């Protein structure tokens, strides 16, 4: 069963691709249903600069909201974390308890 994290944020792929050590595991993209020759089939989606991926609380990037499915990028390094904070302005909110 997929695991939902406490926080993730969607980013345009073109923004994520600005990281100089960015790589994409395209084998893990979500599948989409398409009609091919009158038959409905599932195919891996093709990622474009205008698509969104999700940066998870653990700095892994996924193609969907679950933090352990469809992992596209998982090379979490200090440089990646710095890029996330400085360029993407990624911050995990702190919720105060009432």
C-alpha atoms as a PDB file:
ATOM      1  CA  UNK A   1       0.000   0.000   0.000  1.00  0.00           C
ATOM      2  CA  UNK A   2       1.407   3.433  -0.892  1.00  0.00           C
ATOM      3  CA  UNK A   3       2.565   5.748   1.877  1.00  0.00           C
ATOM      4  CA  UNK A   4       1.276   9.296   2.085  1.00  0.00           C
ATOM      5  CA  UNK A   5       3.808  11.677   3.591  1.00  0.00           C
ATOM      6  CA  UNK A   6       2.967  14.614   5.803  1.00  0.00           C
ATOM      7  CA  UNK A   7       3.977  17.186   3.184  1.00  0.00           C
ATOM      8  CA  UNK A   8       4.818  17.452  -0.496  1.00  0.00           C
ATOM      9  CA  UNK A   9       4.786  20.303  -2.990  1.00  0.00           C
ATOM     10  CA  UNK A  10       4.240  20.255  -6.745  1.00  0.00           C
ATOM     11  CA  UNK A  11       6.841  21.840  -9.030  1.00  0.00           C
ATOM     12  CA  UNK A  12       7.071  22.254 -12.766  1.00  0.00           C
ATOM     13  CA  UNK A  13       9.605  19.802 -14.145  1.00  0.00           C
ATOM     14  CA  UNK A  14      11.427  22.624 -15.926  1.00  0.00           C
ATOM     15  CA  UNK A  15      12.236  24.128 -12.506  1.00  0.00           C
ATOM     16  CA  UNK A  16      13.526  20.821 -11.133  1.00  0.00           C
ATOM     17  CA  UNK A  17      15.643  20.279 -14.249  1.00  0.00           C
ATOM     18  CA  UNK A  18      17.625  23.424 -13.391  1.00  0.00           C
ATOM     19  CA  UNK A  19      19.565  21.391 -10.812  1.00  0.00           C
ATOM     20  CA  UNK A  20      22.846  20.507 -12.542  1.00  0.00           C
ATOM     21  CA  UNK A  21      22.909  16.945 -11.174  1.00  0.00           C
ATOM     22  CA  UNK A  22      19.262  16.249 -12.003  1.00  0.00           C
ATOM     23  CA  UNK A  23      18.483  12.816 -13.445  1.00  0.00           C
ATOM     24  CA  UNK A  24      15.135  11.187 -14.140  1.00  0.00           C
ATOM     25  CA  UNK A  25      14.206   7.568 -13.623  1.00  0.00           C
ATOM     26  CA  UNK A  26      11.645   7.462 -16.434  1.00  0.00           C
ATOM     27  CA  UNK A  27      10.845   3.800 -15.755  1.00  0.00           C
ATOM     28  CA  UNK A  28       8.940   5.012 -12.692  1.00  0.00           C
ATOM     29  CA  UNK A  29       6.545   7.445 -14.356  1.00  0.00           C
ATOM     30  CA  UNK A  30       2.848   6.953 -13.716  1.00  0.00           C
ATOM     31  CA  UNK A  31       0.853   5.033 -16.255  1.00  0.00           C
ATOM     32  CA  UNK A  32      -1.914   6.679 -18.246  1.00  0.00           C
ATOM     33  CA  UNK A  33      -4.771   5.059 -20.086  1.00  0.00           C
ATOM     34  CA  UNK A  34      -4.840   5.640 -23.838  1.00  0.00           C
ATOM     35  CA  UNK A  35      -6.839   4.331 -26.760  1.00  0.00           C
ATOM     36  CA  UNK A  36      -4.619   2.523 -29.252  1.00  0.00           C
ATOM     37  CA  UNK A  37      -6.341   0.902 -32.243  1.00  0.00           C
ATOM     38  CA  UNK A  38      -9.638   0.927 -30.341  1.00  0.00           C
ATOM     39  CA  UNK A  39      -8.203  -0.796 -27.280  1.00  0.00           C
ATOM     40  CA  UNK A  40      -7.617   0.890 -23.957  1.00  0.00           C
ATOM     41  CA  UNK A  41      -4.052   0.310 -22.777  1.00  0.00           C
ATOM     42  CA  UNK A  42      -1.835   1.704 -20.027  1.00  0.00           C
ATOM     43  CA  UNK A  43       1.348   3.448 -21.122  1.00  0.00           C
ATOM     44  CA  UNK A  44       4.010   5.293 -19.159  1.00  0.00           C
ATOM     45  CA  UNK A  45       3.499   9.004 -19.484  1.00  0.00           C
ATOM     46  CA  UNK A  46       6.090  11.159 -21.184  1.00  0.00           C
ATOM     47  CA  UNK A  47       7.335  14.005 -18.996  1.00  0.00           C
ATOM     48  CA  UNK A  48       7.501  17.492 -20.483  1.00  0.00           C
ATOM     49  CA  UNK A  49       8.753  20.754 -18.996  1.00  0.00           C
ATOM     50  CA  UNK A  50       5.139  21.786 -18.346  1.00  0.00           C
ATOM     51  CA  UNK A  51       4.263  18.720 -16.240  1.00  0.00           C
ATOM     52  CA  UNK A  52       4.393  18.671 -12.445  1.00  0.00           C
ATOM     53  CA  UNK A  53       6.315  16.377 -10.116  1.00  0.00           C
ATOM     54  CA  UNK A  54       6.116  16.288  -6.334  1.00  0.00           C
ATOM     55  CA  UNK A  55       8.960  17.155  -3.984  1.00  0.00           C
ATOM     56  CA  UNK A  56       8.410  15.113  -0.844  1.00  0.00           C
ATOM     57  CA  UNK A  57       9.326  15.973   2.741  1.00  0.00           C
ATOM     58  CA  UNK A  58      12.336  13.617   2.445  1.00  0.00           C
ATOM     59  CA  UNK A  59      13.535  15.495  -0.711  1.00  0.00           C
ATOM     60  CA  UNK A  60      12.688  12.616  -3.041  1.00  0.00           C
ATOM     61  CA  UNK A  61      10.783  13.625  -6.197  1.00  0.00           C
ATOM     62  CA  UNK A  62       7.811  11.524  -7.272  1.00  0.00           C
ATOM     63  CA  UNK A  63       5.308  11.387 -10.097  1.00  0.00           C
ATOM     64  CA  UNK A  64       2.337  11.484  -7.760  1.00  0.00           C
ATOM     65  CA  UNK A  65       1.532  12.393  -4.181  1.00  0.00           C
ATOM     66  CA  UNK A  66       2.734   9.185  -2.530  1.00  0.00           C
ATOM     67  CA  UNK A  67       6.278   9.358  -1.188  1.00  0.00           C
ATOM     68  CA  UNK A  68       7.202   5.746  -1.963  1.00  0.00           C
ATOM     69  CA  UNK A  69       5.688   5.283  -5.438  1.00  0.00           C
ATOM     70  CA  UNK A  70       6.734   6.495  -8.890  1.00  0.00           C
ATOM     71  CA  UNK A  71      10.092   7.799  -7.647  1.00  0.00           C
ATOM     72  CA  UNK A  72      11.681   9.926 -10.374  1.00  0.00           C
ATOM     73  CA  UNK A  73      14.650  11.401  -8.473  1.00  0.00           C
ATOM     74  CA  UNK A  74      16.166  10.141  -5.228  1.00  0.00           C
ATOM     75  CA  UNK A  75      19.763  11.382  -5.279  1.00  0.00           C
ATOM     76  CA  UNK A  76      19.328  13.360  -2.060  1.00  0.00           C
ATOM     77  CA  UNK A  77      22.585  15.201  -1.414  1.00  0.00           C
ATOM     78  CA  UNK A  78      23.454  18.369   0.507  1.00  0.00           C
ATOM     79  CA  UNK A  79      23.629  20.158  -2.870  1.00  0.00           C
ATOM     80  CA  UNK A  80      20.114  18.993  -3.768  1.00  0.00           C
ATOM     81  CA  UNK A  81      18.749  20.132  -0.402  1.00  0.00           C
ATOM     82  CA  UNK A  82      20.435  23.520  -0.844  1.00  0.00           C
ATOM     83  CA  UNK A  83      18.901  23.846  -4.339  1.00  0.00           C
ATOM     84  CA  UNK A  84      15.477  22.968  -2.921  1.00  0.00           C
ATOM     85  CA  UNK A  85      15.721  25.618  -0.206  1.00  0.00           C
ATOM     86  CA  UNK A  86      17.447  28.417  -2.117  1.00  0.00           C
ATOM     87  CA  UNK A  87      16.121  28.075  -5.667  1.00  0.00           C
ATOM     88  CA  UNK A  88      12.782  26.278  -5.225  1.00  0.00           C
ATOM     89  CA  UNK A  89      12.100  27.937  -1.852  1.00  0.00           C
ATOM     90  CA  UNK A  90      10.952  24.582  -0.472  1.00  0.00           C
ATOM     91  CA  UNK A  91      10.127  24.731   3.213  1.00  0.00           C
ATOM     92  CA  UNK A  92       8.179  22.212   5.235  1.00  0.00           C
ATOM     93  CA  UNK A  93       5.594  24.125   7.291  1.00  0.00           C
ATOM     94  CA  UNK A  94       5.619  23.841  11.056  1.00  0.00           C
ATOM     95  CA  UNK A  95       2.122  23.426  12.381  1.00  0.00           C
ATOM     96  CA  UNK A  96       1.480  24.568  15.909  1.00  0.00           C
ATOM     97  CA  UNK A  97      -0.632  22.334  18.087  1.00  0.00           C
ATOM     98  CA  UNK A  98      -3.702  23.900  19.641  1.00  0.00           C
END
